[in-house]
Protein backbone atom coordinates (compact mmCIF):
# COMPACT_ATOMS: atom_id res chain seq x y z
CA MET A 1 -65.02 6.66 -11.22
CA ARG A 2 -63.69 3.26 -10.26
CA ILE A 3 -61.07 3.39 -12.91
CA SER A 4 -59.76 6.77 -11.75
CA VAL A 5 -59.58 5.45 -8.17
CA ALA A 6 -57.71 2.32 -9.33
CA VAL A 7 -55.30 4.48 -11.42
CA PHE A 8 -54.73 6.67 -8.40
CA VAL A 9 -54.02 3.70 -6.10
CA ILE A 10 -51.64 2.23 -8.66
CA ASN A 11 -49.85 5.54 -9.03
CA LEU A 12 -49.67 5.92 -5.32
CA VAL A 13 -48.15 2.41 -4.91
CA ILE A 14 -45.61 3.18 -7.66
CA PHE A 15 -44.74 6.50 -5.97
CA VAL A 16 -44.21 4.84 -2.56
CA ALA A 17 -42.08 2.16 -4.15
CA LEU A 18 -39.90 4.75 -5.89
CA VAL A 19 -39.50 6.72 -2.68
CA ALA A 20 -38.53 3.53 -0.84
CA VAL A 21 -35.99 2.60 -3.57
CA ALA A 22 -34.59 6.11 -3.52
CA GLY A 23 -34.29 6.04 0.22
CA TYR A 24 -32.44 2.72 0.11
CA VAL A 25 -30.04 3.98 -2.60
CA LEU A 26 -29.40 7.10 -0.54
CA TRP A 27 -28.69 4.96 2.53
CA LEU A 28 -26.21 2.80 0.44
CA VAL A 29 -24.45 5.89 -0.83
CA ILE A 30 -24.13 7.36 2.67
CA ARG A 31 -22.80 4.03 3.99
CA ALA A 32 -20.23 3.81 1.16
CA LEU A 33 -19.09 7.38 1.79
CA ARG A 34 -18.62 6.76 5.49
CA LYS A 35 -16.62 3.68 4.79
CA TYR A 36 -14.47 5.58 2.26
CA ILE A 37 -13.84 8.44 4.67
CA GLY A 38 -12.93 5.97 7.41
CA SER A 39 -10.35 4.29 5.14
CA GLN A 40 -8.19 7.41 4.80
CA GLU A 41 -5.28 5.90 6.80
CA VAL A 42 -5.23 2.80 4.56
CA ARG A 43 -5.27 4.94 1.43
CA GLU A 44 -2.47 7.12 2.70
CA ALA A 45 -0.36 4.10 3.58
CA LYS A 46 -0.83 2.68 0.12
CA SER A 47 -0.06 5.92 -1.56
CA ARG A 48 3.35 6.27 -0.01
CA THR A 49 6.07 5.91 -2.49
CA ARG A 50 7.53 2.43 -2.41
CA GLN A 51 11.30 2.19 -2.41
CA SER A 52 13.69 0.22 -4.51
CA LEU A 53 15.89 -2.39 -2.85
CA GLY A 54 18.88 -0.09 -3.40
CA GLU A 55 17.13 2.80 -1.61
CA VAL A 56 16.37 0.51 1.30
CA LEU A 57 19.89 -0.78 1.51
CA ARG A 58 21.33 2.77 1.37
CA ALA A 59 18.97 3.98 4.06
CA GLU A 60 19.85 1.03 6.34
CA ARG A 61 23.58 1.58 5.84
CA ALA A 62 23.21 5.30 6.54
CA ALA A 63 21.10 4.67 9.58
CA HIS A 64 23.80 2.46 11.04
CA LYS A 65 26.50 5.06 10.08
CA MET A 66 28.42 2.59 8.00
CA THR A 67 30.43 3.27 4.87
CA GLN A 68 30.12 1.30 1.70
CA GLU A 69 33.74 0.16 2.23
CA PHE A 70 32.92 -1.18 5.74
CA VAL A 71 29.89 -3.03 4.45
CA ALA A 72 31.98 -4.48 1.60
CA GLU A 73 34.75 -5.67 3.89
CA SER A 74 32.23 -7.21 6.33
CA LEU A 75 30.61 -9.16 3.54
CA GLY A 76 33.75 -10.01 1.66
CA VAL A 77 32.74 -8.19 -1.54
CA SER A 78 34.04 -5.16 -3.32
CA ARG A 79 32.95 -1.62 -2.52
CA GLN A 80 31.79 -1.33 -6.15
CA ALA A 81 29.39 -4.29 -5.57
CA VAL A 82 27.83 -2.46 -2.62
CA SER A 83 27.61 0.67 -4.72
CA LYS A 84 25.90 -1.26 -7.54
CA TRP A 85 23.37 -2.71 -5.04
CA GLU A 86 22.55 0.71 -3.72
CA ASN A 87 22.18 2.46 -7.08
CA GLY A 88 20.06 -0.36 -8.50
CA SER A 89 22.51 -1.58 -11.17
CA SER A 90 22.43 -5.07 -9.61
CA ASP A 91 20.83 -6.90 -6.74
CA PRO A 92 22.71 -8.77 -3.99
CA SER A 93 22.59 -12.54 -4.04
CA THR A 94 20.43 -14.32 -1.52
CA THR A 95 23.52 -15.12 0.59
CA ASN A 96 24.59 -11.46 0.51
CA LEU A 97 21.05 -10.29 1.31
CA LEU A 98 21.03 -12.55 4.36
CA ALA A 99 24.46 -11.16 5.40
CA LEU A 100 23.28 -7.59 4.94
CA ALA A 101 20.20 -8.22 7.08
CA LYS A 102 22.43 -9.71 9.80
CA LEU A 103 24.88 -6.78 9.58
CA TYR A 104 22.09 -4.22 9.88
CA GLY A 105 20.47 -6.18 12.73
CA THR A 106 17.21 -6.74 10.89
CA SER A 107 15.42 -9.46 9.00
CA VAL A 108 15.36 -10.03 5.27
CA GLU A 109 11.59 -9.56 5.43
CA ALA A 110 12.04 -6.08 6.93
CA LEU A 111 14.41 -5.11 4.18
CA LEU A 112 12.07 -6.31 1.50
CA LYS A 113 8.73 -5.21 2.92
CA ASP A 114 8.79 -1.70 1.28
CA VAL A 115 10.43 -2.80 -1.93
CA GLU A 116 8.34 -2.30 -5.08
C-alpha cells in the first residue's frame, strides 16, 4: 500500500510540474505573439522597397520640377552624365553628390537614407 501511495505522489508531482512547464511555455508563446503583432509598423517599414541612388536622384529632380539639362548646367556636367546617374549606369562623385544635395535643398544623408 505504501508503494502505491508513493507512486501516486510521485506521479502527481510530475503531473503538476508538467502542467506548470506547459503553462509557462504557453505564457511565453502568447508574449512572443503579442510582441510580433505590435511590431507590424516596423515590419512594414522594412518591407518597403528600397530605391537605387538613381531613382532617388530622379525623384528629387522631378519633385523640384527641374530638367536634366538644368541640373547638368547647374553642376557643370553634361546632361548625359545626369542621365547616367539617374538610370544607374554610373554614380555621381562625392563632389557632385554634395552639389546635388545643395541644389535640391536637402542633405546627402537624406539622399542616401533609402538607397539599397
